[in-house]
Amino acid sequence: MSVELTFLTRDGCHLCETAREQVTTGIGARDVTVTEVDVDADPELQDRYGWDVPVVLLDGRQHSFHRVDPGRLSRALDAILARRA
């Protein structure tokens, strides 16, 4: 079963560009569905995460913000997938 990864970002965010690359590295070949969301398109998300982008949510739970450590993301994904096996 696929892990839902939501990547909260915004246009013109240099940290988001770097984080996008780190997310791709952390996912590798795992079964992950990635949805990228612009926080500025949703007032509720903007209020909640506006100062913290980029944000990575795994199955709706916050995993990281500002920076993404691909190794930490990789381990978190492995743990989620192992629980589902």
C-alpha atoms as a PDB file:
ATOM      1  CA  MET A   1       0.000   0.000   0.000  1.00  0.00           C
ATOM      2  CA  SER A   2       1.333   3.410  -1.006  1.00  0.00           C
ATOM      3  CA  VAL A   3       2.435   6.050   1.496  1.00  0.00           C
ATOM      4  CA  GLU A   4       0.836   9.454   0.901  1.00  0.00           C
ATOM      5  CA  LEU A   5       3.491  12.174   0.928  1.00  0.00           C
ATOM      6  CA  THR A   6       2.213  15.738   0.767  1.00  0.00           C
ATOM      7  CA  PHE A   7       4.819  18.352  -0.072  1.00  0.00           C
ATOM      8  CA  LEU A   8       3.711  21.838   0.970  1.00  0.00           C
ATOM      9  CA  THR A   9       5.528  24.554  -0.924  1.00  0.00           C
ATOM     10  CA  ARG A  10       5.142  27.975  -2.529  1.00  0.00           C
ATOM     11  CA  ASP A  11       6.367  29.725  -5.651  1.00  0.00           C
ATOM     12  CA  GLY A  12       9.740  31.424  -5.347  1.00  0.00           C
ATOM     13  CA  CYS A  13      10.828  29.440  -2.274  1.00  0.00           C
ATOM     14  CA  HIS A  14      14.520  28.527  -2.576  1.00  0.00           C
ATOM     15  CA  LEU A  15      14.294  26.108   0.360  1.00  0.00           C
ATOM     16  CA  CYS A  16      11.418  24.377  -1.446  1.00  0.00           C
ATOM     17  CA  GLU A  17      13.546  23.780  -4.535  1.00  0.00           C
ATOM     18  CA  THR A  18      16.263  22.129  -2.463  1.00  0.00           C
ATOM     19  CA  ALA A  19      13.724  20.152  -0.426  1.00  0.00           C
ATOM     20  CA  ARG A  20      12.043  18.870  -3.603  1.00  0.00           C
ATOM     21  CA  GLU A  21      15.335  17.266  -4.637  1.00  0.00           C
ATOM     22  CA  GLN A  22      15.835  15.813  -1.141  1.00  0.00           C
ATOM     23  CA  VAL A  23      12.301  14.362  -1.157  1.00  0.00           C
ATOM     24  CA  THR A  24      12.999  12.640  -4.473  1.00  0.00           C
ATOM     25  CA  THR A  25      16.245  11.208  -3.088  1.00  0.00           C
ATOM     26  CA  GLY A  26      14.562  10.048   0.142  1.00  0.00           C
ATOM     27  CA  ILE A  27      11.711   8.322  -1.662  1.00  0.00           C
ATOM     28  CA  GLY A  28      13.921   6.306  -3.962  1.00  0.00           C
ATOM     29  CA  ALA A  29      11.963   3.425  -5.501  1.00  0.00           C
ATOM     30  CA  ARG A  30       9.461   3.120  -2.635  1.00  0.00           C
ATOM     31  CA  ASP A  31       5.703   3.000  -3.182  1.00  0.00           C
ATOM     32  CA  VAL A  32       4.935   6.644  -2.413  1.00  0.00           C
ATOM     33  CA  THR A  33       2.258   8.906  -3.860  1.00  0.00           C
ATOM     34  CA  VAL A  34       3.462  12.508  -3.876  1.00  0.00           C
ATOM     35  CA  THR A  35       1.091  15.461  -3.941  1.00  0.00           C
ATOM     36  CA  GLU A  36       2.574  18.937  -4.137  1.00  0.00           C
ATOM     37  CA  VAL A  37       0.423  21.715  -2.683  1.00  0.00           C
ATOM     38  CA  ASP A  38       1.000  25.466  -2.856  1.00  0.00           C
ATOM     39  CA  VAL A  39       0.187  26.762   0.642  1.00  0.00           C
ATOM     40  CA  ASP A  40      -0.674  30.170  -0.788  1.00  0.00           C
ATOM     41  CA  ALA A  41      -3.607  28.640  -2.689  1.00  0.00           C
ATOM     42  CA  ASP A  42      -5.332  27.591   0.542  1.00  0.00           C
ATOM     43  CA  PRO A  43      -5.865  30.165   3.327  1.00  0.00           C
ATOM     44  CA  GLU A  44      -6.047  27.465   6.007  1.00  0.00           C
ATOM     45  CA  LEU A  45      -2.736  25.918   4.939  1.00  0.00           C
ATOM     46  CA  GLN A  46      -1.187  29.362   4.618  1.00  0.00           C
ATOM     47  CA  ASP A  47      -2.234  30.213   8.186  1.00  0.00           C
ATOM     48  CA  ARG A  48      -0.956  26.915   9.548  1.00  0.00           C
ATOM     49  CA  TYR A  49       2.259  26.411   7.557  1.00  0.00           C
ATOM     50  CA  GLY A  50       2.979  29.768   5.896  1.00  0.00           C
ATOM     51  CA  TRP A  51       6.240  30.428   7.749  1.00  0.00           C
ATOM     52  CA  ASP A  52       7.354  26.786   7.788  1.00  0.00           C
ATOM     53  CA  VAL A  53       7.473  25.810   4.112  1.00  0.00           C
ATOM     54  CA  PRO A  54       8.628  23.518   2.785  1.00  0.00           C
ATOM     55  CA  VAL A  55       6.704  20.965   4.822  1.00  0.00           C
ATOM     56  CA  VAL A  56       6.533  17.207   4.292  1.00  0.00           C
ATOM     57  CA  LEU A  57       3.505  15.305   5.552  1.00  0.00           C
ATOM     58  CA  LEU A  58       3.498  11.502   5.585  1.00  0.00           C
ATOM     59  CA  ASP A  59      -0.024  10.100   5.590  1.00  0.00           C
ATOM     60  CA  GLY A  60      -1.192  13.494   6.854  1.00  0.00           C
ATOM     61  CA  ARG A  61       1.285  13.745   9.750  1.00  0.00           C
ATOM     62  CA  GLN A  62       4.047  16.323   9.722  1.00  0.00           C
ATOM     63  CA  HIS A  63       7.427  14.746   9.148  1.00  0.00           C
ATOM     64  CA  SER A  64       9.651  17.738   8.438  1.00  0.00           C
ATOM     65  CA  PHE A  65       9.708  21.433   7.705  1.00  0.00           C
ATOM     66  CA  HIS A  66      12.217  24.005   6.425  1.00  0.00           C
ATOM     67  CA  ARG A  67      14.691  21.309   5.405  1.00  0.00           C
ATOM     68  CA  VAL A  68      14.393  17.664   4.406  1.00  0.00           C
ATOM     69  CA  ASP A  69      16.948  15.072   5.461  1.00  0.00           C
ATOM     70  CA  PRO A  70      16.671  12.343   2.788  1.00  0.00           C
ATOM     71  CA  GLY A  71      18.073   9.662   5.120  1.00  0.00           C
ATOM     72  CA  ARG A  72      15.552  10.474   7.849  1.00  0.00           C
ATOM     73  CA  LEU A  73      12.739  10.523   5.267  1.00  0.00           C
ATOM     74  CA  SER A  74      13.906   7.199   3.880  1.00  0.00           C
ATOM     75  CA  ARG A  75      13.892   5.583   7.335  1.00  0.00           C
ATOM     76  CA  ALA A  76      10.425   6.977   8.103  1.00  0.00           C
ATOM     77  CA  LEU A  77       9.052   5.605   4.837  1.00  0.00           C
ATOM     78  CA  ASP A  78      10.612   2.198   5.494  1.00  0.00           C
ATOM     79  CA  ALA A  79       9.026   2.125   8.963  1.00  0.00           C
ATOM     80  CA  ILE A  80       5.572   3.020   7.617  1.00  0.00           C
ATOM     81  CA  LEU A  81       5.803   0.450   4.832  1.00  0.00           C
ATOM     82  CA  ALA A  82       7.054  -2.253   7.240  1.00  0.00           C
ATOM     83  CA  ARG A  83       4.029  -1.698   9.526  1.00  0.00           C
ATOM     84  CA  ARG A  84       1.748  -2.244   6.542  1.00  0.00           C
ATOM     85  CA  ALA A  85       3.425  -5.452   5.369  1.00  0.00           C
END
